[in-house]
């Protein structure tokens, strides 16, 4: 993650029921159709309408995915089904999260981005990264009981991770080892035909074990500006899906650009009275004006770093009618003027970490 990008707080997602992005379920359905299964009947049995799989639909509860898988596995017990689905989940289907991963500067930053953002695409699996000695581990653990589908899910996740690692470590993929948390399956003797990585079975947790020297490799797709924009969009996505009203209000404000709505307009958007909105924000330790100021500052930092707009133009874009008021507000938040911030950024100084 770019050190100057606003942090994303994983606990915000923890308050939500585990879910998965519909694109992955669509890929599962495509896999099942190729196997000759009646996908429409399976969806009905799992309580899912076809419309739930559309790009415009919201996340699918992980419990419904498990119900769908349970029905599918009973009809198609082939142990290669999980591999087939996992291999369909290519690196280009992860949306803004994928953009953030593959625009990272190094393999390490890419893996840390996976750790930070994976819950946006599937919050039913917790991803953590650790380094020790000559190795790094990207560990993937379910957050809910999998009801007899643990091996199936672990295999799908493993092959999804392999596809991401292909894009990050390229020719180094053969040096990666996948540690599977189950005994050697039926496909183990033919593993090399399905997987470019080494394998270890009966591990404590599903993990990709990566040689530490690969982590400092620079990515050919590195793009600082693209990474920051993707991280910002992911932050907005996380705020929008947050259980906290203050985060959803912040995301709503950020979507408006320079013409920020008033408190009354925001209250109307969330079907609340202004008084109720104030009270609910206060219960979360927030205020409308404070949220507005934070959103403005995030927008101005991005413009100062990435645009050639003048300070006056950036002030107007942030909704300040007077540039002097903008400069004072910026100095209050960052202990420096907007011009000092821009000059330090151009000089390559981590201005936020230096505070």
Protein backbone atom coordinates (compact mmCIF):
# COMPACT_ATOMS: atom_id res chain seq x y z
CA UNK A 1 0.00 0.00 0.00
CA UNK A 2 1.18 3.48 -0.73
CA UNK A 3 2.28 4.84 2.66
CA UNK A 4 0.39 8.08 2.09
CA UNK A 5 -2.91 6.41 1.30
CA UNK A 6 -5.59 6.53 3.97
CA UNK A 7 -5.62 3.34 6.07
CA UNK A 8 -8.37 0.79 5.77
CA UNK A 9 -9.60 -0.80 8.95
CA UNK A 10 -10.33 -4.55 8.69
CA UNK A 11 -12.63 -4.56 11.77
CA UNK A 12 -15.23 -2.67 9.74
CA UNK A 13 -15.77 -5.80 7.69
CA UNK A 14 -15.80 -8.03 10.75
CA UNK A 15 -19.20 -6.63 11.74
CA UNK A 16 -20.77 -7.94 8.56
CA UNK A 17 -22.05 -11.46 7.98
CA UNK A 18 -19.48 -13.33 5.82
CA UNK A 19 -20.17 -12.93 2.11
CA UNK A 20 -18.68 -13.43 -1.35
CA UNK A 21 -18.75 -11.32 -4.51
CA UNK A 22 -21.23 -12.69 -7.08
CA UNK A 23 -18.57 -12.94 -9.82
CA UNK A 24 -17.06 -15.97 -8.09
CA UNK A 25 -20.44 -17.66 -7.79
CA UNK A 26 -21.08 -17.00 -11.48
CA UNK A 27 -17.80 -18.77 -12.27
CA UNK A 28 -18.90 -21.67 -10.08
CA UNK A 29 -22.20 -21.86 -11.97
CA UNK A 30 -20.37 -21.85 -15.31
CA UNK A 31 -18.23 -24.73 -14.05
CA UNK A 32 -21.30 -26.67 -12.94
CA UNK A 33 -23.06 -26.11 -16.26
CA UNK A 34 -20.08 -27.54 -18.11
CA UNK A 35 -20.47 -30.60 -15.90
CA UNK A 36 -24.09 -30.94 -17.05
CA UNK A 37 -25.72 -29.93 -13.77
CA UNK A 38 -29.06 -28.11 -13.61
CA UNK A 39 -27.74 -24.86 -12.20
CA UNK A 40 -31.14 -23.13 -12.01
CA UNK A 41 -32.46 -25.93 -9.81
CA UNK A 42 -29.35 -25.76 -7.62
CA UNK A 43 -29.75 -22.01 -7.19
CA UNK A 44 -33.39 -22.44 -6.14
CA UNK A 45 -32.35 -25.14 -3.66
CA UNK A 46 -29.79 -22.75 -2.15
CA UNK A 47 -32.31 -19.92 -1.93
CA UNK A 48 -30.60 -17.88 -4.66
CA UNK A 49 -32.36 -16.11 -7.52
CA UNK A 50 -30.47 -15.78 -10.83
CA UNK A 51 -30.59 -11.99 -10.39
CA UNK A 52 -28.40 -12.37 -7.29
CA UNK A 53 -25.51 -13.31 -9.58
CA UNK A 54 -25.62 -10.14 -11.69
CA UNK A 55 -22.77 -7.63 -11.60
CA UNK A 56 -25.13 -5.06 -10.10
CA UNK A 57 -26.14 -7.38 -7.25
CA UNK A 58 -24.68 -7.08 -3.80
CA UNK A 59 -22.50 -9.65 -2.02
CA UNK A 60 -23.92 -13.16 -1.63
CA UNK A 61 -24.09 -14.50 1.94
CA UNK A 62 -21.39 -17.12 2.47
CA UNK A 63 -24.03 -19.37 4.01
CA UNK A 64 -25.86 -19.47 0.65
CA UNK A 65 -22.63 -20.29 -1.17
CA UNK A 66 -22.13 -23.23 1.20
CA UNK A 67 -25.70 -24.38 0.58
CA UNK A 68 -25.14 -24.23 -3.19
CA UNK A 69 -21.85 -26.12 -2.90
CA UNK A 70 -23.41 -28.77 -0.70
CA UNK A 71 -26.05 -29.47 -3.33
CA UNK A 72 -23.53 -29.39 -6.18
CA UNK A 73 -21.03 -31.73 -4.54
CA UNK A 74 -23.75 -34.28 -3.85
CA UNK A 75 -24.60 -34.32 -7.55
CA UNK A 76 -21.00 -34.11 -8.76
CA UNK A 77 -18.58 -35.67 -6.24
CA UNK A 78 -15.61 -35.44 -8.65
CA UNK A 79 -12.57 -34.29 -6.57
CA UNK A 80 -11.37 -32.22 -9.53
CA UNK A 81 -14.46 -29.98 -9.40
CA UNK A 82 -12.86 -27.72 -6.80
CA UNK A 83 -9.67 -27.41 -8.87
CA UNK A 84 -11.65 -26.60 -11.99
CA UNK A 85 -13.55 -23.83 -10.23
CA UNK A 86 -10.40 -22.44 -8.58
CA UNK A 87 -8.53 -22.28 -11.88
CA UNK A 88 -11.40 -20.30 -13.43
CA UNK A 89 -10.87 -17.55 -10.85
CA UNK A 90 -8.19 -15.73 -12.81
CA UNK A 91 -6.35 -12.66 -11.61
CA UNK A 92 -8.44 -10.35 -13.82
CA UNK A 93 -11.76 -11.02 -12.04
CA UNK A 94 -10.90 -9.36 -8.73
CA UNK A 95 -12.03 -5.85 -9.69
CA UNK A 96 -10.52 -2.89 -7.85
CA UNK A 97 -8.86 -5.26 -5.40
CA UNK A 98 -7.01 -6.90 -8.29
CA UNK A 99 -6.07 -3.49 -9.66
CA UNK A 100 -4.57 -2.56 -6.29
CA UNK A 101 -2.68 -5.85 -6.02
CA UNK A 102 -1.07 -5.83 -9.46
CA UNK A 103 -0.25 -2.11 -9.50
CA UNK A 104 1.80 -2.59 -6.31
CA UNK A 105 5.48 -1.75 -6.45
CA UNK A 106 6.84 -5.07 -5.18
CA UNK A 107 5.68 -8.63 -4.55
CA UNK A 108 5.65 -7.89 -0.82
CA UNK A 109 3.38 -4.88 -1.27
CA UNK A 110 1.14 -6.94 -3.53
CA UNK A 111 0.82 -9.67 -0.89
CA UNK A 112 0.16 -7.13 1.86
CA UNK A 113 -2.55 -5.67 -0.36
CA UNK A 114 -4.09 -9.15 -0.69
CA UNK A 115 -4.05 -9.40 3.09
CA UNK A 116 -5.64 -6.00 3.52
CA UNK A 117 -8.33 -6.10 0.85
CA UNK A 118 -9.32 -9.74 0.30
CA UNK A 119 -12.33 -9.41 2.60
CA UNK A 120 -13.87 -6.97 0.11
CA UNK A 121 -14.26 -9.85 -2.34
CA UNK A 122 -14.80 -12.73 0.09
CA UNK A 123 -15.13 -12.11 3.82
CA UNK A 124 -15.72 -15.80 4.54
CA UNK A 125 -11.95 -16.42 4.36
CA UNK A 126 -9.48 -14.51 6.52
CA UNK A 127 -6.11 -13.86 4.86
CA UNK A 128 -3.00 -13.05 6.88
CA UNK A 129 0.64 -12.72 5.92
CA UNK A 130 3.70 -13.42 8.03
CA UNK A 131 7.43 -13.54 7.41
CA UNK A 132 10.01 -15.61 9.27
CA UNK A 133 13.53 -16.49 8.28
CA UNK A 134 13.77 -17.48 4.62
CA UNK A 135 10.01 -17.76 4.07
CA UNK A 136 6.78 -15.79 3.94
CA UNK A 137 3.36 -17.38 4.39
CA UNK A 138 0.05 -16.18 3.00
CA UNK A 139 -2.39 -18.00 5.27
CA UNK A 140 -6.09 -18.46 4.48
CA UNK A 141 -8.53 -19.59 7.18
CA UNK A 142 -12.35 -19.79 7.13
CA UNK A 143 -14.20 -17.53 9.55
CA UNK A 144 -17.25 -19.81 9.80
CA UNK A 145 -17.74 -23.61 10.03
CA UNK A 146 -17.70 -25.16 6.56
CA UNK A 147 -19.98 -28.13 7.33
CA UNK A 148 -18.04 -30.88 5.55
CA UNK A 149 -16.84 -28.61 2.73
CA UNK A 150 -13.52 -27.66 4.33
CA UNK A 151 -11.34 -29.60 1.88
CA UNK A 152 -13.35 -28.40 -1.13
CA UNK A 153 -13.17 -24.73 -0.07
CA UNK A 154 -9.47 -24.97 0.84
CA UNK A 155 -8.68 -26.38 -2.60
CA UNK A 156 -10.62 -23.63 -4.39
CA UNK A 157 -8.90 -20.94 -2.32
CA UNK A 158 -5.49 -22.56 -2.93
CA UNK A 159 -5.90 -22.48 -6.70
CA UNK A 160 -7.27 -18.92 -6.55
CA UNK A 161 -4.16 -17.87 -4.63
CA UNK A 162 -1.96 -19.69 -7.15
CA UNK A 163 -3.48 -17.61 -9.96
CA UNK A 164 -2.72 -14.41 -8.04
CA UNK A 165 0.84 -15.57 -7.34
CA UNK A 166 1.39 -16.32 -11.02
CA UNK A 167 0.87 -12.63 -11.69
CA UNK A 168 3.07 -11.52 -8.80
CA UNK A 169 6.09 -13.85 -8.87
CA UNK A 170 5.88 -14.91 -12.53
CA UNK A 171 8.70 -17.40 -13.19
CA UNK A 172 9.20 -17.90 -9.47
CA UNK A 173 5.88 -19.74 -9.11
CA UNK A 174 7.68 -23.10 -9.16
CA UNK A 175 9.46 -22.16 -5.92
CA UNK A 176 6.16 -21.63 -4.07
CA UNK A 177 4.76 -24.43 -1.91
CA UNK A 178 1.06 -24.75 -1.09
CA UNK A 179 0.47 -26.19 2.38
CA UNK A 180 -2.89 -27.98 2.40
CA UNK A 181 -4.73 -28.61 5.71
CA UNK A 182 -5.87 -32.13 4.76
CA UNK A 183 -4.47 -35.54 3.88
CA UNK A 184 -3.28 -36.19 0.31
CA UNK A 185 -6.46 -36.24 -1.85
CA UNK A 186 -7.27 -38.43 -4.83
CA UNK A 187 -5.66 -35.90 -7.18
CA UNK A 188 -2.37 -35.71 -5.27
CA UNK A 189 -0.47 -38.24 -7.47
CA UNK A 190 -1.32 -36.12 -10.53
CA UNK A 191 -0.79 -32.80 -8.74
CA UNK A 192 1.87 -31.59 -11.21
CA UNK A 193 -0.66 -31.82 -14.03
CA UNK A 194 -2.90 -29.29 -12.28
CA UNK A 195 -0.56 -27.08 -10.28
CA UNK A 196 2.84 -25.44 -10.95
CA UNK A 197 3.64 -25.28 -7.22
CA UNK A 198 5.07 -27.79 -4.81
CA UNK A 199 2.62 -29.21 -2.25
CA UNK A 200 2.64 -30.25 1.40
CA UNK A 201 -0.35 -31.97 2.97
CA UNK A 202 -1.61 -32.34 6.56
CA UNK A 203 -0.64 -28.74 7.34
CA UNK A 204 -2.20 -26.85 10.24
CA UNK A 205 -3.72 -24.19 7.99
CA UNK A 206 -3.99 -23.51 4.27
CA UNK A 207 -1.03 -21.37 3.25
CA UNK A 208 1.17 -20.43 0.31
CA UNK A 209 4.81 -20.60 1.43
CA UNK A 210 6.94 -18.19 -0.59
CA UNK A 211 10.75 -17.76 -0.59
CA UNK A 212 11.52 -14.48 1.11
CA UNK A 213 13.87 -13.34 -1.67
CA UNK A 214 10.92 -13.17 -4.08
CA UNK A 215 9.20 -10.50 -2.00
CA UNK A 216 11.51 -7.67 -3.01
CA UNK A 217 10.99 -8.21 -6.73
CA UNK A 218 9.57 -5.17 -8.49
CA UNK A 219 6.41 -5.83 -10.46
CA UNK A 220 6.42 -5.02 -14.18
CA UNK A 221 2.85 -3.73 -13.74
CA UNK A 222 3.79 -1.36 -10.89
CA UNK A 223 2.01 2.00 -11.10
CA UNK A 224 2.02 4.25 -8.04
CA UNK A 225 -0.89 6.41 -9.19
CA UNK A 226 -3.02 3.47 -10.31
CA UNK A 227 -2.33 1.73 -7.00
CA UNK A 228 -3.38 4.76 -5.00
CA UNK A 229 -6.57 5.25 -7.01
CA UNK A 230 -7.48 1.56 -6.63
CA UNK A 231 -6.80 1.70 -2.89
CA UNK A 232 -8.98 4.78 -2.57
CA UNK A 233 -11.84 3.11 -4.42
CA UNK A 234 -11.48 0.02 -2.24
CA UNK A 235 -11.64 2.23 0.82
CA UNK A 236 -14.88 3.74 -0.45
CA UNK A 237 -16.24 0.27 -1.17
CA UNK A 238 -15.38 -0.82 2.36
CA UNK A 239 -16.99 2.24 3.85
CA UNK A 240 -20.16 1.75 1.81
CA UNK A 241 -20.55 -1.81 3.08
CA UNK A 242 -19.72 -0.93 6.67
CA UNK A 243 -22.20 -1.46 9.47
CA UNK A 244 -21.19 1.94 10.84
CA UNK A 245 -23.36 4.81 9.70
CA UNK A 246 -20.40 7.21 9.88
CA UNK A 247 -18.47 5.15 7.33
CA UNK A 248 -21.46 5.01 4.99
CA UNK A 249 -21.97 8.76 5.34
CA UNK A 250 -18.28 9.34 4.52
CA UNK A 251 -18.57 7.16 1.41
CA UNK A 252 -21.70 9.08 0.34
CA UNK A 253 -19.90 12.41 0.77
CA UNK A 254 -16.85 11.20 -1.15
CA UNK A 255 -19.00 10.22 -4.13
CA UNK A 256 -20.11 13.83 -4.67
CA UNK A 257 -16.81 15.56 -5.47
CA UNK A 258 -16.88 19.33 -5.06
CA UNK A 259 -20.66 19.70 -4.58
CA UNK A 260 -20.90 18.14 -1.15
CA UNK A 261 -24.43 17.66 0.21
CA UNK A 262 -25.67 19.39 3.34
CA UNK A 263 -26.43 17.52 6.54
CA UNK A 264 -30.16 17.76 5.73
CA UNK A 265 -29.56 16.25 2.28
CA UNK A 266 -27.46 13.43 3.74
CA UNK A 267 -30.15 12.72 6.33
CA UNK A 268 -32.75 12.55 3.56
CA UNK A 269 -30.54 10.15 1.58
CA UNK A 270 -30.42 7.74 4.55
CA UNK A 271 -34.16 8.23 5.30
CA UNK A 272 -33.42 9.87 8.64
CA UNK A 273 -34.29 13.18 10.20
CA UNK A 274 -31.32 15.58 10.62
CA UNK A 275 -31.68 15.27 14.40
CA UNK A 276 -31.59 11.46 14.26
CA UNK A 277 -28.57 11.53 11.93
CA UNK A 278 -26.69 13.81 14.35
CA UNK A 279 -27.57 11.58 17.28
CA UNK A 280 -26.54 8.36 15.52
CA UNK A 281 -23.24 9.88 14.38
CA UNK A 282 -22.62 11.12 17.92
CA UNK A 283 -23.16 7.58 19.23
CA UNK A 284 -20.28 6.52 16.96
CA UNK A 285 -18.11 9.39 18.17
CA UNK A 286 -18.51 11.35 14.94
CA UNK A 287 -20.01 14.57 13.61
CA UNK A 288 -21.14 15.49 10.10
CA UNK A 289 -18.69 18.41 9.83
CA UNK A 290 -15.80 16.27 11.01
CA UNK A 291 -16.61 13.61 8.40
CA UNK A 292 -16.92 16.27 5.70
CA UNK A 293 -13.53 17.71 6.64
CA UNK A 294 -11.93 14.26 6.50
CA UNK A 295 -13.40 13.55 3.06
CA UNK A 296 -12.28 16.93 1.79
CA UNK A 297 -8.75 16.36 3.03
CA UNK A 298 -8.58 12.93 1.39
CA UNK A 299 -9.68 14.44 -1.92
CA UNK A 300 -7.23 17.32 -1.72
CA UNK A 301 -4.28 15.05 -0.86
CA UNK A 302 -5.02 13.01 -3.96
CA UNK A 303 -5.23 16.12 -6.16
CA UNK A 304 -2.06 17.62 -4.70
CA UNK A 305 -0.14 14.41 -5.40
CA UNK A 306 -1.53 13.53 -8.80
CA UNK A 307 -2.84 16.64 -10.57
CA UNK A 308 -1.37 19.85 -11.94
CA UNK A 309 -4.29 21.92 -10.60
CA UNK A 310 -3.38 25.11 -8.77
CA UNK A 311 -3.98 25.49 -5.05
CA UNK A 312 -6.93 27.82 -5.82
CA UNK A 313 -8.46 25.21 -8.15
CA UNK A 314 -8.01 22.42 -5.59
CA UNK A 315 -9.60 24.59 -2.89
CA UNK A 316 -12.62 25.14 -5.13
CA UNK A 317 -12.81 21.44 -5.97
CA UNK A 318 -12.89 20.64 -2.25
CA UNK A 319 -15.83 23.01 -1.78
CA UNK A 320 -13.94 25.91 -0.17
CA UNK A 321 -15.12 29.30 -1.37
CA UNK A 322 -11.99 30.95 0.01
CA UNK A 323 -8.48 29.59 -0.62
CA UNK A 324 -7.21 31.03 2.68
CA UNK A 325 -9.77 28.95 4.59
CA UNK A 326 -8.63 25.86 2.69
CA UNK A 327 -4.96 26.51 3.50
CA UNK A 328 -5.75 27.00 7.19
CA UNK A 329 -7.84 23.81 7.29
CA UNK A 330 -5.12 21.84 5.50
CA UNK A 331 -2.43 23.15 7.86
CA UNK A 332 -4.61 22.21 10.84
CA UNK A 333 -4.90 18.62 9.57
CA UNK A 334 -1.36 18.12 8.23
CA UNK A 335 0.86 20.66 10.04
CA UNK A 336 1.99 22.05 6.68
CA UNK A 337 0.54 24.05 3.81
CA UNK A 338 -0.83 22.42 0.66
CA UNK A 339 2.18 23.68 -1.31
CA UNK A 340 4.61 22.19 1.22
CA UNK A 341 2.73 18.90 1.02
CA UNK A 342 2.91 18.89 -2.80
CA UNK A 343 6.61 19.82 -2.85
CA UNK A 344 7.45 17.07 -0.34
CA UNK A 345 5.46 14.54 -2.38
CA UNK A 346 7.26 15.50 -5.59
CA UNK A 347 10.56 15.13 -3.73
CA UNK A 348 9.59 11.59 -2.76
CA UNK A 349 9.22 12.29 0.97
CA UNK A 350 6.69 10.22 2.94
CA UNK A 351 4.94 13.30 4.24
CA UNK A 352 2.25 11.45 6.18
CA UNK A 353 4.63 9.05 7.94
CA UNK A 354 6.90 11.94 8.85
CA UNK A 355 4.18 13.56 10.95
